[in-house]
Amino acid sequence: PIPALNLLKEFEDGVEDYFAPGFELIALGEDDGGYPQLSDRIRP
């Protein structure tokens, strides 16, 4: 639900390798980033 992330996803899908070191989009908010105590206030 973030237009900039949708555009970034289109870009990511159109390249064959990393455009930033180690950076990969994941499903928005479906992860707690390893910090479950923060999950109500973060959207990985």
PDB file of all heavy atoms in Angstrom:
ATOM      1  N   PRO A   1       0.819  -1.219   0.000  1.00  0.00           N
ATOM      2  CA  PRO A   1       0.000   0.000   0.000  1.00  0.00           C
ATOM      3  C   PRO A   1       0.856   1.274   0.000  1.00  0.00           C
ATOM      4  O   PRO A   1       0.408   2.323   0.430  1.00  0.00           O
ATOM      5  CB  PRO A   1      -0.806  -0.129   1.289  1.00  0.00           C
ATOM      6  CG  PRO A   1       0.077  -0.900   2.202  1.00  0.00           C
ATOM      7  CD  PRO A   1       0.821  -1.864   1.306  1.00  0.00           C
ATOM      8  N   ILE A   2       2.076   1.157  -0.471  1.00  0.00           N
ATOM      9  CA  ILE A   2       3.014   2.277  -0.530  1.00  0.00           C
ATOM     10  C   ILE A   2       3.456   2.407  -1.988  1.00  0.00           C
ATOM     11  O   ILE A   2       4.224   1.563  -2.483  1.00  0.00           O
ATOM     12  CB  ILE A   2       4.228   2.036   0.393  1.00  0.00           C
ATOM     13  CG1 ILE A   2       3.770   1.747   1.825  1.00  0.00           C
ATOM     14  CG2 ILE A   2       5.185   3.225   0.350  1.00  0.00           C
ATOM     15  CD1 ILE A   2       4.882   1.284   2.750  1.00  0.00           C
ATOM     16  N   PRO A   3       2.989   3.420  -2.697  1.00  0.00           N
ATOM     17  CA  PRO A   3       3.334   3.552  -4.120  1.00  0.00           C
ATOM     18  C   PRO A   3       4.831   3.463  -4.413  1.00  0.00           C
ATOM     19  O   PRO A   3       5.238   2.822  -5.387  1.00  0.00           O
ATOM     20  CB  PRO A   3       2.754   4.915  -4.501  1.00  0.00           C
ATOM     21  CG  PRO A   3       1.596   5.088  -3.566  1.00  0.00           C
ATOM     22  CD  PRO A   3       2.057   4.472  -2.266  1.00  0.00           C
ATOM     23  N   ALA A   4       5.668   4.069  -3.588  1.00  0.00           N
ATOM     24  CA  ALA A   4       7.116   4.030  -3.833  1.00  0.00           C
ATOM     25  C   ALA A   4       7.647   2.603  -3.773  1.00  0.00           C
ATOM     26  O   ALA A   4       8.534   2.230  -4.550  1.00  0.00           O
ATOM     27  CB  ALA A   4       7.852   4.914  -2.832  1.00  0.00           C
ATOM     28  N   LEU A   5       7.105   1.783  -2.872  1.00  0.00           N
ATOM     29  CA  LEU A   5       7.545   0.387  -2.801  1.00  0.00           C
ATOM     30  C   LEU A   5       7.052  -0.399  -4.007  1.00  0.00           C
ATOM     31  O   LEU A   5       7.742  -1.308  -4.485  1.00  0.00           O
ATOM     32  CB  LEU A   5       7.081  -0.279  -1.503  1.00  0.00           C
ATOM     33  CG  LEU A   5       7.873   0.066  -0.250  1.00  0.00           C
ATOM     34  CD1 LEU A   5       7.351  -0.726   0.948  1.00  0.00           C
ATOM     35  CD2 LEU A   5       9.356  -0.181  -0.425  1.00  0.00           C
ATOM     36  N   ASN A   6       5.881  -0.081  -4.510  1.00  0.00           N
ATOM     37  CA  ASN A   6       5.397  -0.749  -5.720  1.00  0.00           C
ATOM     38  C   ASN A   6       6.309  -0.441  -6.903  1.00  0.00           C
ATOM     39  O   ASN A   6       6.635  -1.327  -7.692  1.00  0.00           O
ATOM     40  CB  ASN A   6       3.952  -0.344  -6.030  1.00  0.00           C
ATOM     41  CG  ASN A   6       2.992  -0.917  -5.020  1.00  0.00           C
ATOM     42  OD1 ASN A   6       3.171  -2.023  -4.535  1.00  0.00           O
ATOM     43  ND2 ASN A   6       1.974  -0.152  -4.685  1.00  0.00           N
ATOM     44  N   LEU A   7       6.723   0.816  -7.021  1.00  0.00           N
ATOM     45  CA  LEU A   7       7.647   1.188  -8.086  1.00  0.00           C
ATOM     46  C   LEU A   7       8.994   0.491  -7.903  1.00  0.00           C
ATOM     47  O   LEU A   7       9.604   0.016  -8.870  1.00  0.00           O
ATOM     48  CB  LEU A   7       7.831   2.704  -8.118  1.00  0.00           C
ATOM     49  CG  LEU A   7       6.607   3.508  -8.547  1.00  0.00           C
ATOM     50  CD1 LEU A   7       6.844   5.004  -8.314  1.00  0.00           C
ATOM     51  CD2 LEU A   7       6.260   3.237 -10.001  1.00  0.00           C
ATOM     52  N   LEU A   8       9.456   0.408  -6.655  1.00  0.00           N
ATOM     53  CA  LEU A   8      10.719  -0.266  -6.369  1.00  0.00           C
ATOM     54  C   LEU A   8      10.620  -1.752  -6.710  1.00  0.00           C
ATOM     55  O   LEU A   8      11.554  -2.333  -7.259  1.00  0.00           O
ATOM     56  CB  LEU A   8      11.118  -0.062  -4.906  1.00  0.00           C
ATOM     57  CG  LEU A   8      12.487  -0.570  -4.496  1.00  0.00           C
ATOM     58  CD1 LEU A   8      13.598   0.107  -5.300  1.00  0.00           C
ATOM     59  CD2 LEU A   8      12.702  -0.356  -3.001  1.00  0.00           C
ATOM     60  N   LYS A   9       9.489  -2.357  -6.428  1.00  0.00           N
ATOM     61  CA  LYS A   9       9.271  -3.772  -6.757  1.00  0.00           C
ATOM     62  C   LYS A   9       9.336  -3.982  -8.272  1.00  0.00           C
ATOM     63  O   LYS A   9       9.966  -4.941  -8.743  1.00  0.00           O
ATOM     64  CB  LYS A   9       7.924  -4.240  -6.197  1.00  0.00           C
ATOM     65  CG  LYS A   9       7.571  -5.665  -6.539  1.00  0.00           C
ATOM     66  CD  LYS A   9       8.421  -6.644  -5.778  1.00  0.00           C
ATOM     67  CE  LYS A   9       7.884  -8.056  -5.960  1.00  0.00           C
ATOM     68  NZ  LYS A   9       8.985  -9.029  -6.027  1.00  0.00           N
ATOM     69  N   GLU A  10       8.721  -3.090  -9.032  1.00  0.00           N
ATOM     70  CA  GLU A  10       8.801  -3.180 -10.502  1.00  0.00           C
ATOM     71  C   GLU A  10      10.252  -3.084 -10.957  1.00  0.00           C
ATOM     72  O   GLU A  10      10.680  -3.840 -11.842  1.00  0.00           O
ATOM     73  CB  GLU A  10       7.997  -2.054 -11.154  1.00  0.00           C
ATOM     74  CG  GLU A  10       6.514  -2.234 -11.101  1.00  0.00           C
ATOM     75  CD  GLU A  10       5.772  -1.041 -11.707  1.00  0.00           C
ATOM     76  OE1 GLU A  10       6.377  -0.270 -12.503  1.00  0.00           O
ATOM     77  OE2 GLU A  10       4.588  -0.862 -11.379  1.00  0.00           O
ATOM     78  N   PHE A  11      11.004  -2.161 -10.370  1.00  0.00           N
ATOM     79  CA  PHE A  11      12.415  -2.025 -10.726  1.00  0.00           C
ATOM     80  C   PHE A  11      13.167  -3.302 -10.368  1.00  0.00           C
ATOM     81  O   PHE A  11      13.902  -3.846 -11.193  1.00  0.00           O
ATOM     82  CB  PHE A  11      13.053  -0.816 -10.033  1.00  0.00           C
ATOM     83  CG  PHE A  11      14.526  -0.727 -10.302  1.00  0.00           C
ATOM     84  CD1 PHE A  11      14.981  -0.191 -11.496  1.00  0.00           C
ATOM     85  CD2 PHE A  11      15.441  -1.209  -9.383  1.00  0.00           C
ATOM     86  CE1 PHE A  11      16.346  -0.142 -11.775  1.00  0.00           C
ATOM     87  CE2 PHE A  11      16.802  -1.166  -9.648  1.00  0.00           C
ATOM     88  CZ  PHE A  11      17.256  -0.632 -10.847  1.00  0.00           C
ATOM     89  N   GLU A  12      12.998  -3.786  -9.148  1.00  0.00           N
ATOM     90  CA  GLU A  12      13.699  -4.987  -8.695  1.00  0.00           C
ATOM     91  C   GLU A  12      13.402  -6.175  -9.605  1.00  0.00           C
ATOM     92  O   GLU A  12      14.299  -6.947  -9.943  1.00  0.00           O
ATOM     93  CB  GLU A  12      13.304  -5.313  -7.249  1.00  0.00           C
ATOM     94  CG  GLU A  12      14.041  -6.525  -6.684  1.00  0.00           C
ATOM     95  CD  GLU A  12      13.626  -6.849  -5.272  1.00  0.00           C
ATOM     96  OE1 GLU A  12      12.464  -7.293  -5.077  1.00  0.00           O
ATOM     97  OE2 GLU A  12      14.446  -6.667  -4.359  1.00  0.00           O
ATOM     98  N   ASP A  13      12.145  -6.315 -10.001  1.00  0.00           N
ATOM     99  CA  ASP A  13      11.768  -7.424 -10.877  1.00  0.00           C
ATOM    100  C   ASP A  13      12.374  -7.302 -12.277  1.00  0.00           C
ATOM    101  O   ASP A  13      12.467  -8.294 -13.002  1.00  0.00           O
ATOM    102  CB  ASP A  13      10.242  -7.524 -10.991  1.00  0.00           C
ATOM    103  CG  ASP A  13       9.588  -8.026  -9.711  1.00  0.00           C
ATOM    104  OD1 ASP A  13      10.307  -8.529  -8.815  1.00  0.00           O
ATOM    105  OD2 ASP A  13       8.348  -7.913  -9.605  1.00  0.00           O
ATOM    106  N   GLY A  14      12.789  -6.094 -12.647  1.00  0.00           N
ATOM    107  CA  GLY A  14      13.333  -5.863 -13.976  1.00  0.00           C
ATOM    108  C   GLY A  14      14.845  -5.963 -14.089  1.00  0.00           C
ATOM    109  O   GLY A  14      15.394  -5.840 -15.184  1.00  0.00           O
ATOM    110  N   VAL A  15      15.537  -6.158 -12.966  1.00  0.00           N
ATOM    111  CA  VAL A  15      16.995  -6.299 -13.002  1.00  0.00           C
ATOM    112  C   VAL A  15      17.372  -7.720 -12.609  1.00  0.00           C
ATOM    113  O   VAL A  15      16.596  -8.420 -11.964  1.00  0.00           O
ATOM    114  CB  VAL A  15      17.710  -5.256 -12.093  1.00  0.00           C
ATOM    115  CG1 VAL A  15      17.473  -3.849 -12.606  1.00  0.00           C
ATOM    116  CG2 VAL A  15      17.283  -5.386 -10.642  1.00  0.00           C
ATOM    117  N   GLU A  16      18.563  -8.112 -12.994  1.00  0.00           N
ATOM    118  CA  GLU A  16      18.977  -9.502 -12.778  1.00  0.00           C
ATOM    119  C   GLU A  16      19.888  -9.705 -11.582  1.00  0.00           C
ATOM    120  O   GLU A  16      20.219 -10.839 -11.251  1.00  0.00           O
ATOM    121  CB  GLU A  16      19.667 -10.022 -14.044  1.00  0.00           C
ATOM    122  CG  GLU A  16      18.711 -10.080 -15.224  1.00  0.00           C
ATOM    123  CD  GLU A  16      19.367 -10.649 -16.472  1.00  0.00           C
ATOM    124  OE1 GLU A  16      20.432 -11.278 -16.354  1.00  0.00           O
ATOM    125  OE2 GLU A  16      18.802 -10.453 -17.547  1.00  0.00           O
ATOM    126  N   ASP A  17      20.306  -8.631 -10.947  1.00  0.00           N
ATOM    127  CA  ASP A  17      21.248  -8.767  -9.834  1.00  0.00           C
ATOM    128  C   ASP A  17      20.957  -7.680  -8.808  1.00  0.00           C
ATOM    129  O   ASP A  17      20.060  -6.867  -8.995  1.00  0.00           O
ATOM    130  CB  ASP A  17      22.685  -8.638 -10.361  1.00  0.00           C
ATOM    131  CG  ASP A  17      23.689  -9.449  -9.540  1.00  0.00           C
ATOM    132  OD1 ASP A  17      23.444  -9.672  -8.333  1.00  0.00           O
ATOM    133  OD2 ASP A  17      24.723  -9.845 -10.099  1.00  0.00           O
ATOM    134  N   TYR A  18      21.735  -7.660  -7.740  1.00  0.00           N
ATOM    135  CA  TYR A  18      21.540  -6.668  -6.681  1.00  0.00           C
ATOM    136  C   TYR A  18      21.751  -5.251  -7.193  1.00  0.00           C
ATOM    137  O   TYR A  18      22.686  -4.985  -7.928  1.00  0.00           O
ATOM    138  CB  TYR A  18      22.494  -6.901  -5.512  1.00  0.00           C
ATOM    139  CG  TYR A  18      22.143  -8.085  -4.653  1.00  0.00           C
ATOM    140  CD1 TYR A  18      22.936  -9.223  -4.658  1.00  0.00           C
ATOM    141  CD2 TYR A  18      21.028  -8.057  -3.829  1.00  0.00           C
ATOM    142  CE1 TYR A  18      22.624 -10.311  -3.861  1.00  0.00           C
ATOM    143  CE2 TYR A  18      20.702  -9.140  -3.032  1.00  0.00           C
ATOM    144  CZ  TYR A  18      21.501 -10.263  -3.046  1.00  0.00           C
ATOM    145  OH  TYR A  18      21.181 -11.337  -2.256  1.00  0.00           O
ATOM    146  N   PHE A  19      20.875  -4.333  -6.759  1.00  0.00           N
ATOM    147  CA  PHE A  19      21.066  -2.915  -7.065  1.00  0.00           C
ATOM    148  C   PHE A  19      21.533  -2.162  -5.834  1.00  0.00           C
ATOM    149  O   PHE A  19      21.974  -1.031  -5.915  1.00  0.00           O
ATOM    150  CB  PHE A  19      19.786  -2.282  -7.628  1.00  0.00           C
ATOM    151  CG  PHE A  19      18.570  -2.410  -6.758  1.00  0.00           C
ATOM    152  CD1 PHE A  19      18.284  -1.445  -5.809  1.00  0.00           C
ATOM    153  CD2 PHE A  19      17.714  -3.487  -6.898  1.00  0.00           C
ATOM    154  CE1 PHE A  19      17.163  -1.548  -5.009  1.00  0.00           C
ATOM    155  CE2 PHE A  19      16.588  -3.599  -6.104  1.00  0.00           C
ATOM    156  CZ  PHE A  19      16.310  -2.632  -5.160  1.00  0.00           C
ATOM    157  N   ALA A  20      21.445  -2.783  -4.680  1.00  0.00           N
ATOM    158  CA  ALA A  20      21.999  -2.293  -3.416  1.00  0.00           C
ATOM    159  C   ALA A  20      22.491  -3.549  -2.690  1.00  0.00           C
ATOM    160  O   ALA A  20      21.820  -4.586  -2.738  1.00  0.00           O
ATOM    161  CB  ALA A  20      20.945  -1.566  -2.596  1.00  0.00           C
ATOM    162  N   PRO A  21      23.640  -3.497  -2.039  1.00  0.00           N
ATOM    163  CA  PRO A  21      24.213  -4.705  -1.439  1.00  0.00           C
ATOM    164  C   PRO A  21      23.260  -5.418  -0.485  1.00  0.00           C
ATOM    165  O   PRO A  21      22.785  -4.839   0.488  1.00  0.00           O
ATOM    166  CB  PRO A  21      25.433  -4.180  -0.677  1.00  0.00           C
ATOM    167  CG  PRO A  21      25.773  -2.901  -1.344  1.00  0.00           C
ATOM    168  CD  PRO A  21      24.459  -2.325  -1.798  1.00  0.00           C
ATOM    169  N   GLY A  22      22.956  -6.678  -0.780  1.00  0.00           N
ATOM    170  CA  GLY A  22      22.131  -7.509   0.094  1.00  0.00           C
ATOM    171  C   GLY A  22      20.671  -7.149   0.165  1.00  0.00           C
ATOM    172  O   GLY A  22      19.914  -7.785   0.882  1.00  0.00           O
ATOM    173  N   PHE A  23      20.226  -6.139  -0.562  1.00  0.00           N
ATOM    174  CA  PHE A  23      18.849  -5.646  -0.466  1.00  0.00           C
ATOM    175  C   PHE A  23      17.916  -6.490  -1.323  1.00  0.00           C
ATOM    176  O   PHE A  23      18.162  -6.708  -2.503  1.00  0.00           O
ATOM    177  CB  PHE A  23      18.781  -4.194  -0.932  1.00  0.00           C
ATOM    178  CG  PHE A  23      17.413  -3.586  -0.788  1.00  0.00           C
ATOM    179  CD1 PHE A  23      17.037  -2.968   0.392  1.00  0.00           C
ATOM    180  CD2 PHE A  23      16.493  -3.641  -1.834  1.00  0.00           C
ATOM    181  CE1 PHE A  23      15.773  -2.405   0.526  1.00  0.00           C
ATOM    182  CE2 PHE A  23      15.244  -3.082  -1.709  1.00  0.00           C
ATOM    183  CZ  PHE A  23      14.878  -2.468  -0.528  1.00  0.00           C
ATOM    184  N   GLU A  24      16.823  -6.955  -0.691  1.00  0.00           N
ATOM    185  CA  GLU A  24      15.775  -7.685  -1.397  1.00  0.00           C
ATOM    186  C   GLU A  24      14.443  -7.383  -0.729  1.00  0.00           C
ATOM    187  O   GLU A  24      14.315  -7.503   0.500  1.00  0.00           O
ATOM    188  CB  GLU A  24      15.997  -9.195  -1.316  1.00  0.00           C
ATOM    189  CG  GLU A  24      17.158  -9.709  -2.115  1.00  0.00           C
ATOM    190  CD  GLU A  24      17.240 -11.221  -2.039  1.00  0.00           C
ATOM    191  OE1 GLU A  24      17.872 -11.717  -1.087  1.00  0.00           O
ATOM    192  OE2 GLU A  24      16.659 -11.883  -2.919  1.00  0.00           O
ATOM    193  N   LEU A  25      13.471  -7.011  -1.528  1.00  0.00           N
ATOM    194  CA  LEU A  25      12.137  -6.772  -0.977  1.00  0.00           C
ATOM    195  C   LEU A  25      11.532  -8.077  -0.488  1.00  0.00           C
ATOM    196  O   LEU A  25      11.777  -9.141  -1.065  1.00  0.00           O
ATOM    197  CB  LEU A  25      11.232  -6.137  -2.035  1.00  0.00           C
ATOM    198  CG  LEU A  25      11.582  -4.697  -2.397  1.00  0.00           C
ATOM    199  CD1 LEU A  25      10.827  -4.256  -3.647  1.00  0.00           C
ATOM    200  CD2 LEU A  25      11.290  -3.762  -1.246  1.00  0.00           C
ATOM    201  N   ILE A  26      10.765  -7.992   0.588  1.00  0.00           N
ATOM    202  CA  ILE A  26      10.018  -9.130   1.123  1.00  0.00           C
ATOM    203  C   ILE A  26       8.556  -8.708   1.228  1.00  0.00           C
ATOM    204  O   ILE A  26       8.241  -7.526   1.102  1.00  0.00           O
ATOM    205  CB  ILE A  26      10.562  -9.584   2.506  1.00  0.00           C
ATOM    206  CG1 ILE A  26      10.478  -8.447   3.530  1.00  0.00           C
ATOM    207  CG2 ILE A  26      11.990 -10.107   2.370  1.00  0.00           C
ATOM    208  CD1 ILE A  26      10.854  -8.853   4.959  1.00  0.00           C
ATOM    209  N   ALA A  27       7.680  -9.649   1.487  1.00  0.00           N
ATOM    210  CA  ALA A  27       6.260  -9.326   1.646  1.00  0.00           C
ATOM    211  C   ALA A  27       6.098  -8.352   2.811  1.00  0.00           C
ATOM    212  O   ALA A  27       6.554  -8.616   3.928  1.00  0.00           O
ATOM    213  CB  ALA A  27       5.455 -10.589   1.882  1.00  0.00           C
ATOM    214  N   LEU A  28       5.474  -7.222   2.548  1.00  0.00           N
ATOM    215  CA  LEU A  28       5.324  -6.160   3.542  1.00  0.00           C
ATOM    216  C   LEU A  28       4.594  -6.654   4.794  1.00  0.00           C
ATOM    217  O   LEU A  28       3.478  -7.160   4.716  1.00  0.00           O
ATOM    218  CB  LEU A  28       4.559  -4.981   2.950  1.00  0.00           C
ATOM    219  CG  LEU A  28       4.325  -3.803   3.896  1.00  0.00           C
ATOM    220  CD1 LEU A  28       5.634  -3.065   4.144  1.00  0.00           C
ATOM    221  CD2 LEU A  28       3.284  -2.866   3.341  1.00  0.00           C
ATOM    222  N   GLY A  29       5.250  -6.526   5.930  1.00  0.00           N
ATOM    223  CA  GLY A  29       4.637  -6.807   7.222  1.00  0.00           C
ATOM    224  C   GLY A  29       4.391  -8.258   7.549  1.00  0.00           C
ATOM    225  O   GLY A  29       3.787  -8.565   8.577  1.00  0.00           O
ATOM    226  N   GLU A  30       4.865  -9.192   6.732  1.00  0.00           N
ATOM    227  CA  GLU A  30       4.630 -10.608   7.012  1.00  0.00           C
ATOM    228  C   GLU A  30       5.768 -11.245   7.803  1.00  0.00           C
ATOM    229  O   GLU A  30       5.838 -12.460   7.928  1.00  0.00           O
ATOM    230  CB  GLU A  30       4.404 -11.370   5.705  1.00  0.00           C
ATOM    231  CG  GLU A  30       3.095 -10.995   5.037  1.00  0.00           C
ATOM    232  CD  GLU A  30       2.802 -11.822   3.812  1.00  0.00           C
ATOM    233  OE1 GLU A  30       3.476 -12.847   3.595  1.00  0.00           O
ATOM    234  OE2 GLU A  30       1.888 -11.437   3.076  1.00  0.00           O
ATOM    235  N   ASP A  31       6.625 -10.439   8.334  1.00  0.00           N
ATOM    236  CA  ASP A  31       7.800 -10.896   9.062  1.00  0.00           C
ATOM    237  C   ASP A  31       7.943  -9.962  10.256  1.00  0.00           C
ATOM    238  O   ASP A  31       7.439  -8.843  10.232  1.00  0.00           O
ATOM    239  CB  ASP A  31       9.010 -10.766   8.123  1.00  0.00           C
ATOM    240  CG  ASP A  31      10.308 -11.309   8.690  1.00  0.00           C
ATOM    241  OD1 ASP A  31      10.411 -11.481   9.919  1.00  0.00           O
ATOM    242  OD2 ASP A  31      11.230 -11.539   7.906  1.00  0.00           O
ATOM    243  N   ASP A  32       8.602 -10.398  11.299  1.00  0.00           N
ATOM    244  CA  ASP A  32       8.824  -9.495  12.434  1.00  0.00           C
ATOM    245  C   ASP A  32      10.281  -9.043  12.498  1.00  0.00           C
ATOM    246  O   ASP A  32      10.691  -8.402  13.459  1.00  0.00           O
ATOM    247  CB  ASP A  32       8.386 -10.127  13.751  1.00  0.00           C
ATOM    248  CG  ASP A  32       9.143 -11.400  14.105  1.00  0.00           C
ATOM    249  OD1 ASP A  32      10.233 -11.640  13.548  1.00  0.00           O
ATOM    250  OD2 ASP A  32       8.635 -12.163  14.940  1.00  0.00           O
ATOM    251  N   GLY A  33      11.067  -9.394  11.486  1.00  0.00           N
ATOM    252  CA  GLY A  33      12.460  -8.972  11.439  1.00  0.00           C
ATOM    253  C   GLY A  33      13.298  -9.541  12.565  1.00  0.00           C
ATOM    254  O   GLY A  33      14.385  -9.047  12.836  1.00  0.00           O
ATOM    255  N   GLY A  34      12.814 -10.580  13.227  1.00  0.00           N
ATOM    256  CA  GLY A  34      13.537 -11.169  14.342  1.00  0.00           C
ATOM    257  C   GLY A  34      13.260 -10.493  15.678  1.00  0.00           C
ATOM    258  O   GLY A  34      13.882 -10.806  16.682  1.00  0.00           O
ATOM    259  N   TYR A  35      12.307  -9.564  15.684  1.00  0.00           N
ATOM    260  CA  TYR A  35      11.971  -8.823  16.900  1.00  0.00           C
ATOM    261  C   TYR A  35      10.458  -8.870  17.113  1.00  0.00           C
ATOM    262  O   TYR A  35       9.757  -7.884  16.876  1.00  0.00           O
ATOM    263  CB  TYR A  35      12.462  -7.370  16.789  1.00  0.00           C
ATOM    264  CG  TYR A  35      13.962  -7.267  16.745  1.00  0.00           C
ATOM    265  CD1 TYR A  35      14.652  -7.375  15.538  1.00  0.00           C
ATOM    266  CD2 TYR A  35      14.691  -7.089  17.908  1.00  0.00           C
ATOM    267  CE1 TYR A  35      16.028  -7.294  15.498  1.00  0.00           C
ATOM    268  CE2 TYR A  35      16.076  -7.008  17.872  1.00  0.00           C
ATOM    269  CZ  TYR A  35      16.736  -7.112  16.671  1.00  0.00           C
ATOM    270  OH  TYR A  35      18.116  -7.036  16.634  1.00  0.00           O
ATOM    271  N   PRO A  36       9.928 -10.003  17.576  1.00  0.00           N
ATOM    272  CA  PRO A  36       8.468 -10.136  17.718  1.00  0.00           C
ATOM    273  C   PRO A  36       7.849  -9.104  18.652  1.00  0.00           C
ATOM    274  O   PRO A  36       6.696  -8.716  18.472  1.00  0.00           O
ATOM    275  CB  PRO A  36       8.277 -11.565  18.230  1.00  0.00           C
ATOM    276  CG  PRO A  36       9.615 -11.994  18.735  1.00  0.00           C
ATOM    277  CD  PRO A  36      10.640 -11.193  18.005  1.00  0.00           C
ATOM    278  N   GLN A  37       8.608  -8.615  19.619  1.00  0.00           N
ATOM    279  CA  GLN A  37       8.079  -7.633  20.558  1.00  0.00           C
ATOM    280  C   GLN A  37       7.791  -6.286  19.893  1.00  0.00           C
ATOM    281  O   GLN A  37       7.095  -5.448  20.455  1.00  0.00           O
ATOM    282  CB  GLN A  37       8.986  -7.483  21.779  1.00  0.00           C
ATOM    283  CG  GLN A  37      10.356  -6.908  21.493  1.00  0.00           C
ATOM    284  CD  GLN A  37      11.420  -7.921  21.102  1.00  0.00           C
ATOM    285  OE1 GLN A  37      11.212  -8.761  20.241  1.00  0.00           O
ATOM    286  NE2 GLN A  37      12.594  -7.825  21.730  1.00  0.00           N
ATOM    287  N   LEU A  38       8.288  -6.084  18.679  1.00  0.00           N
ATOM    288  CA  LEU A  38       8.064  -4.831  17.958  1.00  0.00           C
ATOM    289  C   LEU A  38       6.980  -4.951  16.890  1.00  0.00           C
ATOM    290  O   LEU A  38       6.627  -3.952  16.260  1.00  0.00           O
ATOM    291  CB  LEU A  38       9.363  -4.368  17.273  1.00  0.00           C
ATOM    292  CG  LEU A  38      10.604  -4.229  18.156  1.00  0.00           C
ATOM    293  CD1 LEU A  38      11.783  -3.768  17.311  1.00  0.00           C
ATOM    294  CD2 LEU A  38      10.353  -3.286  19.310  1.00  0.00           C
ATOM    295  N   SER A  39       6.447  -6.133  16.684  1.00  0.00           N
ATOM    296  CA  SER A  39       5.612  -6.409  15.513  1.00  0.00           C
ATOM    297  C   SER A  39       4.372  -5.529  15.371  1.00  0.00           C
ATOM    298  O   SER A  39       3.911  -5.317  14.255  1.00  0.00           O
ATOM    299  CB  SER A  39       5.220  -7.881  15.462  1.00  0.00           C
ATOM    300  OG  SER A  39       4.428  -8.214  16.577  1.00  0.00           O
ATOM    301  N   ASP A  40       3.847  -4.973  16.463  1.00  0.00           N
ATOM    302  CA  ASP A  40       2.663  -4.118  16.325  1.00  0.00           C
ATOM    303  C   ASP A  40       3.000  -2.718  15.827  1.00  0.00           C
ATOM    304  O   ASP A  40       2.110  -1.979  15.403  1.00  0.00           O
ATOM    305  CB  ASP A  40       1.871  -4.052  17.632  1.00  0.00           C
ATOM    306  CG  ASP A  40       2.632  -3.385  18.763  1.00  0.00           C
ATOM    307  OD1 ASP A  40       3.874  -3.481  18.789  1.00  0.00           O
ATOM    308  OD2 ASP A  40       1.978  -2.761  19.619  1.00  0.00           O
ATOM    309  N   ARG A  41       4.288  -2.337  15.821  1.00  0.00           N
ATOM    310  CA  ARG A  41       4.669  -0.973  15.416  1.00  0.00           C
ATOM    311  C   ARG A  41       5.674  -0.928  14.258  1.00  0.00           C
ATOM    312  O   ARG A  41       6.203   0.135  13.952  1.00  0.00           O
ATOM    313  CB  ARG A  41       5.259  -0.221  16.608  1.00  0.00           C
ATOM    314  CG  ARG A  41       4.303   0.005  17.766  1.00  0.00           C
ATOM    315  CD  ARG A  41       3.332   1.150  17.542  1.00  0.00           C
ATOM    316  NE  ARG A  41       3.920   2.430  17.297  1.00  0.00           N
ATOM    317  CZ  ARG A  41       4.349   3.282  18.224  1.00  0.00           C
ATOM    318  NH1 ARG A  41       4.261   2.980  19.508  1.00  0.00           N
ATOM    319  NH2 ARG A  41       4.864   4.440  17.877  1.00  0.00           N
ATOM    320  N   ILE A  42       5.945  -2.069  13.636  1.00  0.00           N
ATOM    321  CA  ILE A  42       6.850  -2.075  12.485  1.00  0.00           C
ATOM    322  C   ILE A  42       6.215  -2.845  11.336  1.00  0.00           C
ATOM    323  O   ILE A  42       5.351  -3.702  11.553  1.00  0.00           O
ATOM    324  CB  ILE A  42       8.233  -2.693  12.815  1.00  0.00           C
ATOM    325  CG1 ILE A  42       8.101  -4.166  13.202  1.00  0.00           C
ATOM    326  CG2 ILE A  42       8.950  -1.874  13.879  1.00  0.00           C
ATOM    327  CD1 ILE A  42       9.428  -4.906  13.325  1.00  0.00           C
ATOM    328  N   ARG A  43       6.645  -2.508  10.138  1.00  0.00           N
ATOM    329  CA  ARG A  43       6.221  -3.233   8.943  1.00  0.00           C
ATOM    330  C   ARG A  43       7.477  -3.542   8.128  1.00  0.00           C
ATOM    331  O   ARG A  43       7.897  -2.751   7.284  1.00  0.00           O
ATOM    332  CB  ARG A  43       5.229  -2.438   8.089  1.00  0.00           C
ATOM    333  CG  ARG A  43       3.900  -2.179   8.744  1.00  0.00           C
ATOM    334  CD  ARG A  43       3.145  -3.484   9.077  1.00  0.00           C
ATOM    335  NE  ARG A  43       1.928  -3.219   9.821  1.00  0.00           N
ATOM    336  CZ  ARG A  43       1.821  -3.199  11.135  1.00  0.00           C
ATOM    337  NH1 ARG A  43       2.872  -3.418  11.906  1.00  0.00           N
ATOM    338  NH2 ARG A  43       0.660  -2.981  11.721  1.00  0.00           N
ATOM    339  N   PRO A  44       8.115  -4.698   8.407  1.00  0.00           N
ATOM    340  CA  PRO A  44       9.288  -5.075   7.621  1.00  0.00           C
ATOM    341  C   PRO A  44       8.932  -5.165   6.135  1.00  0.00           C
ATOM    342  O   PRO A  44       7.851  -5.621   5.776  1.00  0.00           O
ATOM    343  CB  PRO A  44       9.664  -6.441   8.181  1.00  0.00           C
ATOM    344  CG  PRO A  44       9.148  -6.400   9.597  1.00  0.00           C
ATOM    345  CD  PRO A  44       7.852  -5.652   9.477  1.00  0.00           C
TER     346      PRO A  44
END
